[in-house]
All heavy atoms as atom14 arrays in JSON, in Angstrom:
{
  "sequence": "EHAKKRGAKIYAEIVGYGATADAYHVTAPAEDGNGAAKAMEYALKD",
  "atom14_mask": [
    [1, 1, 1, 1, 1, 1, 1, 1, 1, 0, 0, 0, 0, 0],
    [1, 1, 1, 1, 1, 1, 1, 1, 1, 1, 0, 0, 0, 0],
    [1, 1, 1, 1, 1, 0, 0, 0, 0, 0, 0, 0, 0, 0],
    [1, 1, 1, 1, 1, 1, 1, 1, 1, 0, 0, 0, 0, 0],
    [1, 1, 1, 1, 1, 1, 1, 1, 1, 0, 0, 0, 0, 0],
    [1, 1, 1, 1, 1, 1, 1, 1, 1, 1, 1, 0, 0, 0],
    [1, 1, 1, 1, 0, 0, 0, 0, 0, 0, 0, 0, 0, 0],
    [1, 1, 1, 1, 1, 0, 0, 0, 0, 0, 0, 0, 0, 0],
    [1, 1, 1, 1, 1, 1, 1, 1, 1, 0, 0, 0, 0, 0],
    [1, 1, 1, 1, 1, 1, 1, 1, 0, 0, 0, 0, 0, 0],
    [1, 1, 1, 1, 1, 1, 1, 1, 1, 1, 1, 1, 0, 0],
    [1, 1, 1, 1, 1, 0, 0, 0, 0, 0, 0, 0, 0, 0],
    [1, 1, 1, 1, 1, 1, 1, 1, 1, 0, 0, 0, 0, 0],
    [1, 1, 1, 1, 1, 1, 1, 1, 0, 0, 0, 0, 0, 0],
    [1, 1, 1, 1, 1, 1, 1, 0, 0, 0, 0, 0, 0, 0],
    [1, 1, 1, 1, 0, 0, 0, 0, 0, 0, 0, 0, 0, 0],
    [1, 1, 1, 1, 1, 1, 1, 1, 1, 1, 1, 1, 0, 0],
    [1, 1, 1, 1, 0, 0, 0, 0, 0, 0, 0, 0, 0, 0],
    [1, 1, 1, 1, 1, 0, 0, 0, 0, 0, 0, 0, 0, 0],
    [1, 1, 1, 1, 1, 1, 1, 0, 0, 0, 0, 0, 0, 0],
    [1, 1, 1, 1, 1, 0, 0, 0, 0, 0, 0, 0, 0, 0],
    [1, 1, 1, 1, 1, 1, 1, 1, 0, 0, 0, 0, 0, 0],
    [1, 1, 1, 1, 1, 0, 0, 0, 0, 0, 0, 0, 0, 0],
    [1, 1, 1, 1, 1, 1, 1, 1, 1, 1, 1, 1, 0, 0],
    [1, 1, 1, 1, 1, 1, 1, 1, 1, 1, 0, 0, 0, 0],
    [1, 1, 1, 1, 1, 1, 1, 0, 0, 0, 0, 0, 0, 0],
    [1, 1, 1, 1, 1, 1, 1, 0, 0, 0, 0, 0, 0, 0],
    [1, 1, 1, 1, 1, 0, 0, 0, 0, 0, 0, 0, 0, 0],
    [1, 1, 1, 1, 1, 1, 1, 0, 0, 0, 0, 0, 0, 0],
    [1, 1, 1, 1, 1, 0, 0, 0, 0, 0, 0, 0, 0, 0],
    [1, 1, 1, 1, 1, 1, 1, 1, 1, 0, 0, 0, 0, 0],
    [1, 1, 1, 1, 1, 1, 1, 1, 0, 0, 0, 0, 0, 0],
    [1, 1, 1, 1, 0, 0, 0, 0, 0, 0, 0, 0, 0, 0],
    [1, 1, 1, 1, 1, 1, 1, 1, 0, 0, 0, 0, 0, 0],
    [1, 1, 1, 1, 0, 0, 0, 0, 0, 0, 0, 0, 0, 0],
    [1, 1, 1, 1, 1, 0, 0, 0, 0, 0, 0, 0, 0, 0],
    [1, 1, 1, 1, 1, 0, 0, 0, 0, 0, 0, 0, 0, 0],
    [1, 1, 1, 1, 1, 1, 1, 1, 1, 0, 0, 0, 0, 0],
    [1, 1, 1, 1, 1, 0, 0, 0, 0, 0, 0, 0, 0, 0],
    [1, 1, 1, 1, 1, 1, 1, 1, 0, 0, 0, 0, 0, 0],
    [1, 1, 1, 1, 1, 1, 1, 1, 1, 0, 0, 0, 0, 0],
    [1, 1, 1, 1, 1, 1, 1, 1, 1, 1, 1, 1, 0, 0],
    [1, 1, 1, 1, 1, 0, 0, 0, 0, 0, 0, 0, 0, 0],
    [1, 1, 1, 1, 1, 1, 1, 1, 0, 0, 0, 0, 0, 0],
    [1, 1, 1, 1, 1, 1, 1, 1, 1, 0, 0, 0, 0, 0],
    [1, 1, 1, 1, 1, 1, 1, 1, 0, 0, 0, 0, 0, 0]
  ],
  "atom14_positions": [
    [[-122.37, 24.09, 31.86], [-123.62, 24.72, 32.02], [-123.49, 26.26, 31.82], [-124.42, 26.91, 31.31], [-124.3, 24.35, 33.43], [-124.66, 22.88, 33.49], [-125.53, 22.43, 32.35], [-126.5, 23.08, 31.96], [-125.28, 21.31, 31.85], [0.0, 0.0, 0.0], [0.0, 0.0, 0.0], [0.0, 0.0, 0.0], [0.0, 0.0, 0.0], [0.0, 0.0, 0.0]],
    [[-122.43, 26.75, 32.33], [-122.13, 28.2, 32.19], [-122.03, 28.56, 30.7], [-122.57, 29.57, 30.24], [-120.9, 28.56, 32.91], [-120.65, 30.08, 32.98], [-120.1, 30.77, 31.94], [-120.84, 31.03, 33.99], [-120.0, 32.09, 32.27], [-120.38, 32.22, 33.52], [0.0, 0.0, 0.0], [0.0, 0.0, 0.0], [0.0, 0.0, 0.0], [0.0, 0.0, 0.0]],
    [[-121.32, 27.68, 29.93], [-121.17, 27.95, 28.52], [-122.48, 27.83, 27.78], [-122.8, 28.71, 26.93], [-120.17, 26.95, 27.96], [0.0, 0.0, 0.0], [0.0, 0.0, 0.0], [0.0, 0.0, 0.0], [0.0, 0.0, 0.0], [0.0, 0.0, 0.0], [0.0, 0.0, 0.0], [0.0, 0.0, 0.0], [0.0, 0.0, 0.0], [0.0, 0.0, 0.0]],
    [[-123.27, 26.92, 28.09], [-124.56, 26.64, 27.53], [-125.49, 27.84, 27.78], [-126.2, 28.32, 26.88], [-125.18, 25.32, 27.9], [-124.55, 24.07, 27.3], [-124.93, 22.81, 28.13], [-126.35, 22.47, 27.98], [-126.71, 21.2, 28.67], [0.0, 0.0, 0.0], [0.0, 0.0, 0.0], [0.0, 0.0, 0.0], [0.0, 0.0, 0.0], [0.0, 0.0, 0.0]],
    [[-125.46, 28.31, 29.01], [-126.39, 29.37, 29.35], [-126.14, 30.61, 28.54], [-127.04, 31.31, 28.25], [-126.16, 29.71, 30.87], [-127.13, 30.71, 31.46], [-126.98, 30.84, 32.96], [-127.89, 31.89, 33.55], [-127.71, 32.03, 34.99], [0.0, 0.0, 0.0], [0.0, 0.0, 0.0], [0.0, 0.0, 0.0], [0.0, 0.0, 0.0], [0.0, 0.0, 0.0]],
    [[-124.89, 30.87, 28.23], [-124.63, 32.11, 27.46], [-124.53, 31.84, 25.94], [-124.16, 32.75, 25.18], [-123.4, 32.76, 28.0], [-122.0, 32.07, 27.82], [-120.88, 32.86, 28.34], [-119.63, 32.16, 27.89], [-118.97, 32.44, 26.8], [-119.45, 33.31, 25.97], [-117.85, 31.83, 26.54], [0.0, 0.0, 0.0], [0.0, 0.0, 0.0], [0.0, 0.0, 0.0]],
    [[-124.8, 30.59, 25.53], [-124.84, 30.28, 24.19], [-123.46, 30.25, 23.49], [-123.38, 30.66, 22.28], [0.0, 0.0, 0.0], [0.0, 0.0, 0.0], [0.0, 0.0, 0.0], [0.0, 0.0, 0.0], [0.0, 0.0, 0.0], [0.0, 0.0, 0.0], [0.0, 0.0, 0.0], [0.0, 0.0, 0.0], [0.0, 0.0, 0.0], [0.0, 0.0, 0.0]],
    [[-122.48, 29.88, 24.23], [-121.12, 29.91, 23.67], [-120.88, 28.75, 22.62], [-121.44, 27.67, 22.71], [-120.13, 29.63, 24.8], [0.0, 0.0, 0.0], [0.0, 0.0, 0.0], [0.0, 0.0, 0.0], [0.0, 0.0, 0.0], [0.0, 0.0, 0.0], [0.0, 0.0, 0.0], [0.0, 0.0, 0.0], [0.0, 0.0, 0.0], [0.0, 0.0, 0.0]],
    [[-119.96, 29.03, 21.74], [-119.52, 28.01, 20.76], [-118.58, 27.08, 21.55], [-117.7, 27.54, 22.28], [-118.75, 28.68, 19.6], [-118.18, 27.63, 18.64], [-117.47, 28.25, 17.45], [-116.81, 27.19, 16.57], [-116.16, 27.73, 15.42], [0.0, 0.0, 0.0], [0.0, 0.0, 0.0], [0.0, 0.0, 0.0], [0.0, 0.0, 0.0], [0.0, 0.0, 0.0]],
    [[-118.75, 25.75, 21.34], [-118.02, 24.78, 22.05], [-117.09, 24.14, 21.0], [-117.64, 23.49, 20.01], [-118.81, 23.78, 22.81], [-119.52, 24.52, 23.95], [-117.95, 22.65, 23.32], [-120.58, 23.67, 24.65], [0.0, 0.0, 0.0], [0.0, 0.0, 0.0], [0.0, 0.0, 0.0], [0.0, 0.0, 0.0], [0.0, 0.0, 0.0], [0.0, 0.0, 0.0]],
    [[-115.72, 24.23, 21.22], [-114.86, 23.56, 20.22], [-114.7, 22.09, 20.56], [-114.6, 21.29, 19.63], [-113.49, 24.22, 20.25], [-113.46, 25.59, 19.64], [-113.52, 26.76, 20.37], [-113.35, 25.7, 18.3], [-113.48, 28.03, 19.81], [-113.22, 26.98, 17.66], [-113.33, 28.07, 18.48], [-113.32, 29.31, 17.83], [0.0, 0.0, 0.0], [0.0, 0.0, 0.0]],
    [[-114.53, 21.76, 21.8], [-114.34, 20.42, 22.23], [-114.52, 20.29, 23.76], [-114.73, 21.37, 24.44], [-112.9, 19.93, 21.89], [0.0, 0.0, 0.0], [0.0, 0.0, 0.0], [0.0, 0.0, 0.0], [0.0, 0.0, 0.0], [0.0, 0.0, 0.0], [0.0, 0.0, 0.0], [0.0, 0.0, 0.0], [0.0, 0.0, 0.0], [0.0, 0.0, 0.0]],
    [[-114.58, 19.12, 24.25], [-114.68, 18.9, 25.75], [-113.37, 18.35, 26.19], [-112.8, 17.43, 25.56], [-115.86, 18.04, 26.06], [-116.07, 17.8, 27.51], [-117.33, 16.92, 27.86], [-117.98, 16.55, 26.86], [-117.6, 16.79, 29.03], [0.0, 0.0, 0.0], [0.0, 0.0, 0.0], [0.0, 0.0, 0.0], [0.0, 0.0, 0.0], [0.0, 0.0, 0.0]],
    [[-112.92, 18.84, 27.38], [-111.77, 18.13, 27.98], [-112.41, 17.1, 28.96], [-113.13, 17.51, 29.82], [-110.83, 19.1, 28.74], [-110.28, 20.17, 27.91], [-109.77, 18.31, 29.47], [-109.28, 21.06, 28.64], [0.0, 0.0, 0.0], [0.0, 0.0, 0.0], [0.0, 0.0, 0.0], [0.0, 0.0, 0.0], [0.0, 0.0, 0.0], [0.0, 0.0, 0.0]],
    [[-111.99, 15.89, 28.78], [-112.51, 14.78, 29.65], [-111.56, 14.13, 30.54], [-111.92, 13.47, 31.5], [-113.32, 13.77, 28.74], [-114.51, 14.41, 28.06], [-112.33, 13.03, 27.74], [0.0, 0.0, 0.0], [0.0, 0.0, 0.0], [0.0, 0.0, 0.0], [0.0, 0.0, 0.0], [0.0, 0.0, 0.0], [0.0, 0.0, 0.0], [0.0, 0.0, 0.0]],
    [[-110.22, 14.25, 30.21], [-109.27, 13.54, 30.99], [-107.92, 14.28, 31.09], [-107.52, 15.0, 30.14], [0.0, 0.0, 0.0], [0.0, 0.0, 0.0], [0.0, 0.0, 0.0], [0.0, 0.0, 0.0], [0.0, 0.0, 0.0], [0.0, 0.0, 0.0], [0.0, 0.0, 0.0], [0.0, 0.0, 0.0], [0.0, 0.0, 0.0], [0.0, 0.0, 0.0]],
    [[-107.2, 14.09, 32.24], [-105.97, 14.62, 32.48], [-105.12, 13.62, 33.35], [-105.66, 13.14, 34.3], [-106.2, 15.99, 33.16], [-104.94, 16.58, 33.85], [-103.72, 16.74, 33.13], [-104.99, 17.07, 35.19], [-102.59, 17.37, 33.71], [-103.92, 17.66, 35.77], [-102.69, 17.8, 35.03], [-101.56, 18.4, 35.64], [0.0, 0.0, 0.0], [0.0, 0.0, 0.0]],
    [[-103.95, 13.32, 32.84], [-103.06, 12.51, 33.66], [-101.68, 13.07, 33.81], [-101.17, 13.69, 32.87], [0.0, 0.0, 0.0], [0.0, 0.0, 0.0], [0.0, 0.0, 0.0], [0.0, 0.0, 0.0], [0.0, 0.0, 0.0], [0.0, 0.0, 0.0], [0.0, 0.0, 0.0], [0.0, 0.0, 0.0], [0.0, 0.0, 0.0], [0.0, 0.0, 0.0]],
    [[-101.1, 13.0, 34.97], [-99.76, 13.49, 35.24], [-98.94, 12.5, 36.04], [-99.39, 12.03, 37.02], [-99.89, 14.86, 35.91], [0.0, 0.0, 0.0], [0.0, 0.0, 0.0], [0.0, 0.0, 0.0], [0.0, 0.0, 0.0], [0.0, 0.0, 0.0], [0.0, 0.0, 0.0], [0.0, 0.0, 0.0], [0.0, 0.0, 0.0], [0.0, 0.0, 0.0]],
    [[-97.68, 12.26, 35.66], [-96.75, 11.39, 36.36], [-95.32, 11.92, 36.22], [-95.1, 12.9, 35.66], [-96.8, 9.99, 35.71], [-96.27, 10.05, 34.41], [-98.17, 9.32, 35.68], [0.0, 0.0, 0.0], [0.0, 0.0, 0.0], [0.0, 0.0, 0.0], [0.0, 0.0, 0.0], [0.0, 0.0, 0.0], [0.0, 0.0, 0.0], [0.0, 0.0, 0.0]],
    [[-94.42, 11.22, 36.96], [-93.06, 11.49, 36.86], [-92.24, 10.23, 36.5], [-92.59, 9.18, 36.93], [-92.48, 12.04, 38.17], [0.0, 0.0, 0.0], [0.0, 0.0, 0.0], [0.0, 0.0, 0.0], [0.0, 0.0, 0.0], [0.0, 0.0, 0.0], [0.0, 0.0, 0.0], [0.0, 0.0, 0.0], [0.0, 0.0, 0.0], [0.0, 0.0, 0.0]],
    [[-91.19, 10.38, 35.73], [-90.34, 9.2, 35.45], [-89.5, 8.85, 36.51], [-89.11, 7.65, 36.64], [-89.37, 9.57, 34.16], [-90.13, 9.57, 32.87], [-91.29, 9.11, 32.72], [-89.54, 10.0, 31.82], [0.0, 0.0, 0.0], [0.0, 0.0, 0.0], [0.0, 0.0, 0.0], [0.0, 0.0, 0.0], [0.0, 0.0, 0.0], [0.0, 0.0, 0.0]],
    [[-89.13, 9.78, 37.35], [-88.16, 9.53, 38.43], [-86.89, 8.77, 37.95], [-86.52, 7.76, 38.48], [-88.86, 8.73, 39.57], [0.0, 0.0, 0.0], [0.0, 0.0, 0.0], [0.0, 0.0, 0.0], [0.0, 0.0, 0.0], [0.0, 0.0, 0.0], [0.0, 0.0, 0.0], [0.0, 0.0, 0.0], [0.0, 0.0, 0.0], [0.0, 0.0, 0.0]],
    [[-86.37, 9.33, 36.85], [-85.3, 8.54, 36.12], [-84.07, 9.46, 35.93], [-82.95, 9.04, 36.26], [-85.86, 8.05, 34.88], [-84.84, 7.35, 33.94], [-84.33, 6.15, 34.28], [-84.47, 8.03, 32.72], [-83.38, 5.45, 33.46], [-83.57, 7.37, 31.86], [-83.0, 6.16, 32.28], [-82.12, 5.58, 31.45], [0.0, 0.0, 0.0], [0.0, 0.0, 0.0]],
    [[-84.16, 10.57, 35.25], [-83.07, 11.42, 34.77], [-83.5, 12.81, 34.58], [-84.7, 13.07, 34.27], [-82.53, 10.75, 33.51], [-81.2, 11.37, 33.05], [-81.15, 12.47, 32.26], [-79.96, 10.88, 33.25], [-79.86, 12.69, 31.98], [-79.13, 11.79, 32.61], [0.0, 0.0, 0.0], [0.0, 0.0, 0.0], [0.0, 0.0, 0.0], [0.0, 0.0, 0.0]],
    [[-82.61, 13.76, 34.76], [-82.95, 15.16, 34.63], [-83.33, 15.57, 33.23], [-84.1, 16.48, 33.01], [-81.88, 16.09, 35.16], [-81.71, 15.96, 36.63], [-80.51, 15.9, 34.49], [0.0, 0.0, 0.0], [0.0, 0.0, 0.0], [0.0, 0.0, 0.0], [0.0, 0.0, 0.0], [0.0, 0.0, 0.0], [0.0, 0.0, 0.0], [0.0, 0.0, 0.0]],
    [[-82.82, 14.93, 32.18], [-83.15, 15.3, 30.81], [-83.65, 14.17, 29.96], [-84.53, 14.42, 29.13], [-81.92, 15.94, 30.04], [-80.84, 14.99, 30.11], [-81.47, 17.17, 30.74], [0.0, 0.0, 0.0], [0.0, 0.0, 0.0], [0.0, 0.0, 0.0], [0.0, 0.0, 0.0], [0.0, 0.0, 0.0], [0.0, 0.0, 0.0], [0.0, 0.0, 0.0]],
    [[-83.18, 12.93, 30.17], [-83.58, 11.83, 29.32], [-84.91, 11.2, 29.86], [-85.1, 10.99, 31.06], [-82.64, 10.73, 29.37], [0.0, 0.0, 0.0], [0.0, 0.0, 0.0], [0.0, 0.0, 0.0], [0.0, 0.0, 0.0], [0.0, 0.0, 0.0], [0.0, 0.0, 0.0], [0.0, 0.0, 0.0], [0.0, 0.0, 0.0], [0.0, 0.0, 0.0]],
    [[-85.87, 10.85, 29.05], [-87.11, 10.19, 29.43], [-86.77, 8.71, 29.7], [-85.75, 8.1, 29.31], [-87.96, 10.22, 28.16], [-87.11, 10.48, 27.0], [-85.89, 11.18, 27.45], [0.0, 0.0, 0.0], [0.0, 0.0, 0.0], [0.0, 0.0, 0.0], [0.0, 0.0, 0.0], [0.0, 0.0, 0.0], [0.0, 0.0, 0.0], [0.0, 0.0, 0.0]],
    [[-87.64, 8.06, 30.55], [-87.5, 6.67, 30.88], [-87.41, 5.81, 29.61], [-88.32, 5.98, 28.69], [-88.56, 6.26, 31.84], [0.0, 0.0, 0.0], [0.0, 0.0, 0.0], [0.0, 0.0, 0.0], [0.0, 0.0, 0.0], [0.0, 0.0, 0.0], [0.0, 0.0, 0.0], [0.0, 0.0, 0.0], [0.0, 0.0, 0.0], [0.0, 0.0, 0.0]],
    [[-86.44, 4.94, 29.54], [-86.25, 4.19, 28.28], [-87.32, 3.3, 27.95], [-87.58, 3.03, 26.7], [-84.94, 3.37, 28.46], [-83.69, 4.26, 28.55], [-82.42, 3.51, 28.55], [-82.5, 2.25, 28.35], [-81.36, 4.14, 28.92], [0.0, 0.0, 0.0], [0.0, 0.0, 0.0], [0.0, 0.0, 0.0], [0.0, 0.0, 0.0], [0.0, 0.0, 0.0]],
    [[-88.12, 2.81, 28.92], [-89.26, 1.95, 28.5], [-90.64, 2.7, 28.33], [-91.65, 2.13, 27.98], [-89.47, 0.8, 29.56], [-89.76, 1.32, 30.9], [-89.83, 2.6, 31.12], [-89.94, 0.53, 31.85], [0.0, 0.0, 0.0], [0.0, 0.0, 0.0], [0.0, 0.0, 0.0], [0.0, 0.0, 0.0], [0.0, 0.0, 0.0], [0.0, 0.0, 0.0]],
    [[-90.55, 4.05, 28.53], [-91.71, 4.84, 28.29], [-92.82, 4.7, 29.39], [-93.87, 5.17, 29.21], [0.0, 0.0, 0.0], [0.0, 0.0, 0.0], [0.0, 0.0, 0.0], [0.0, 0.0, 0.0], [0.0, 0.0, 0.0], [0.0, 0.0, 0.0], [0.0, 0.0, 0.0], [0.0, 0.0, 0.0], [0.0, 0.0, 0.0], [0.0, 0.0, 0.0]],
    [[-92.45, 4.08, 30.5], [-93.51, 3.7, 31.46], [-94.15, 4.98, 32.14], [-95.34, 5.0, 32.41], [-92.99, 2.8, 32.51], [-92.02, 3.44, 33.51], [-92.41, 4.08, 34.53], [-90.72, 3.37, 33.24], [0.0, 0.0, 0.0], [0.0, 0.0, 0.0], [0.0, 0.0, 0.0], [0.0, 0.0, 0.0], [0.0, 0.0, 0.0], [0.0, 0.0, 0.0]],
    [[-93.38, 6.0, 32.37], [-93.9, 7.26, 32.94], [-94.89, 7.91, 32.04], [-96.01, 8.27, 32.51], [0.0, 0.0, 0.0], [0.0, 0.0, 0.0], [0.0, 0.0, 0.0], [0.0, 0.0, 0.0], [0.0, 0.0, 0.0], [0.0, 0.0, 0.0], [0.0, 0.0, 0.0], [0.0, 0.0, 0.0], [0.0, 0.0, 0.0], [0.0, 0.0, 0.0]],
    [[-94.57, 8.13, 30.79], [-95.42, 8.85, 29.88], [-96.7, 7.92, 29.58], [-97.76, 8.4, 29.48], [-94.69, 9.07, 28.51], [0.0, 0.0, 0.0], [0.0, 0.0, 0.0], [0.0, 0.0, 0.0], [0.0, 0.0, 0.0], [0.0, 0.0, 0.0], [0.0, 0.0, 0.0], [0.0, 0.0, 0.0], [0.0, 0.0, 0.0], [0.0, 0.0, 0.0]],
    [[-96.46, 6.57, 29.59], [-97.58, 5.68, 29.32], [-98.6, 5.78, 30.48], [-99.79, 5.8, 30.2], [-97.06, 4.2, 29.21], [0.0, 0.0, 0.0], [0.0, 0.0, 0.0], [0.0, 0.0, 0.0], [0.0, 0.0, 0.0], [0.0, 0.0, 0.0], [0.0, 0.0, 0.0], [0.0, 0.0, 0.0], [0.0, 0.0, 0.0], [0.0, 0.0, 0.0]],
    [[-98.11, 5.8, 31.61], [-99.05, 5.92, 32.79], [-99.85, 7.22, 32.82], [-100.91, 7.27, 33.2], [-98.21, 5.76, 34.13], [-99.08, 5.55, 35.36], [-99.89, 4.31, 35.29], [-99.1, 2.98, 35.4], [-100.02, 1.79, 35.5], [0.0, 0.0, 0.0], [0.0, 0.0, 0.0], [0.0, 0.0, 0.0], [0.0, 0.0, 0.0], [0.0, 0.0, 0.0]],
    [[-99.2, 8.31, 32.39], [-99.95, 9.52, 32.3], [-101.05, 9.39, 31.27], [-102.18, 9.89, 31.52], [-98.96, 10.72, 31.85], [0.0, 0.0, 0.0], [0.0, 0.0, 0.0], [0.0, 0.0, 0.0], [0.0, 0.0, 0.0], [0.0, 0.0, 0.0], [0.0, 0.0, 0.0], [0.0, 0.0, 0.0], [0.0, 0.0, 0.0], [0.0, 0.0, 0.0]],
    [[-100.85, 8.78, 30.18], [-101.86, 8.48, 29.11], [-102.91, 7.6, 29.75], [-104.18, 7.95, 29.54], [-101.28, 7.91, 27.9], [-100.48, 8.84, 27.0], [-99.89, 8.15, 25.55], [-98.15, 7.83, 25.95], [0.0, 0.0, 0.0], [0.0, 0.0, 0.0], [0.0, 0.0, 0.0], [0.0, 0.0, 0.0], [0.0, 0.0, 0.0], [0.0, 0.0, 0.0]],
    [[-102.53, 6.6, 30.4], [-103.47, 5.65, 30.99], [-104.38, 6.42, 32.04], [-105.63, 6.19, 32.05], [-102.78, 4.51, 31.72], [-102.13, 3.49, 30.72], [-101.26, 2.44, 31.5], [-101.44, 2.31, 32.74], [-100.3, 1.89, 30.88], [0.0, 0.0, 0.0], [0.0, 0.0, 0.0], [0.0, 0.0, 0.0], [0.0, 0.0, 0.0], [0.0, 0.0, 0.0]],
    [[-103.75, 7.21, 32.88], [-104.53, 7.97, 33.92], [-105.51, 8.92, 33.18], [-106.65, 9.05, 33.65], [-103.62, 8.74, 34.81], [-102.84, 7.94, 35.83], [-101.72, 8.46, 36.49], [-103.33, 6.65, 36.16], [-101.11, 7.78, 37.43], [-102.6, 5.87, 37.13], [-101.48, 6.47, 37.78], [-100.81, 5.75, 38.71], [0.0, 0.0, 0.0], [0.0, 0.0, 0.0]],
    [[-104.99, 9.63, 32.16], [-105.93, 10.53, 31.42], [-107.14, 9.78, 30.79], [-108.23, 10.32, 30.83], [-105.13, 11.27, 30.34], [0.0, 0.0, 0.0], [0.0, 0.0, 0.0], [0.0, 0.0, 0.0], [0.0, 0.0, 0.0], [0.0, 0.0, 0.0], [0.0, 0.0, 0.0], [0.0, 0.0, 0.0], [0.0, 0.0, 0.0], [0.0, 0.0, 0.0]],
    [[-106.84, 8.7, 30.15], [-107.92, 7.92, 29.58], [-108.94, 7.41, 30.6], [-110.13, 7.5, 30.4], [-107.37, 6.7, 28.76], [-106.58, 7.05, 27.52], [-105.79, 5.87, 26.96], [-107.5, 7.67, 26.41], [0.0, 0.0, 0.0], [0.0, 0.0, 0.0], [0.0, 0.0, 0.0], [0.0, 0.0, 0.0], [0.0, 0.0, 0.0], [0.0, 0.0, 0.0]],
    [[-108.39, 6.99, 31.71], [-109.26, 6.44, 32.85], [-110.1, 7.57, 33.36], [-111.36, 7.46, 33.61], [-108.43, 5.86, 33.92], [-109.29, 5.21, 35.1], [-108.43, 4.55, 36.08], [-109.29, 4.0, 37.19], [-108.38, 3.33, 38.34], [0.0, 0.0, 0.0], [0.0, 0.0, 0.0], [0.0, 0.0, 0.0], [0.0, 0.0, 0.0], [0.0, 0.0, 0.0]],
    [[-109.48, 8.76, 33.58], [-110.13, 9.93, 34.05], [-111.28, 10.31, 33.1], [-112.38, 10.85, 33.62], [-109.14, 11.07, 34.11], [-109.63, 12.35, 34.79], [-110.42, 12.25, 35.81], [-109.26, 13.5, 34.4], [0.0, 0.0, 0.0], [0.0, 0.0, 0.0], [0.0, 0.0, 0.0], [0.0, 0.0, 0.0], [0.0, 0.0, 0.0], [0.0, 0.0, 0.0]]
  ]
}
């Protein structure tokens, strides 16, 4: 509403954000991708 009121150009809307932890290793991502997948799932649901 603040953007609309001042007539701002809108590039896109942010609609979702998801954040998780692998709780697996200091440098290697979880091998099955479950942590990153859950962040995506949370963001989509959000």
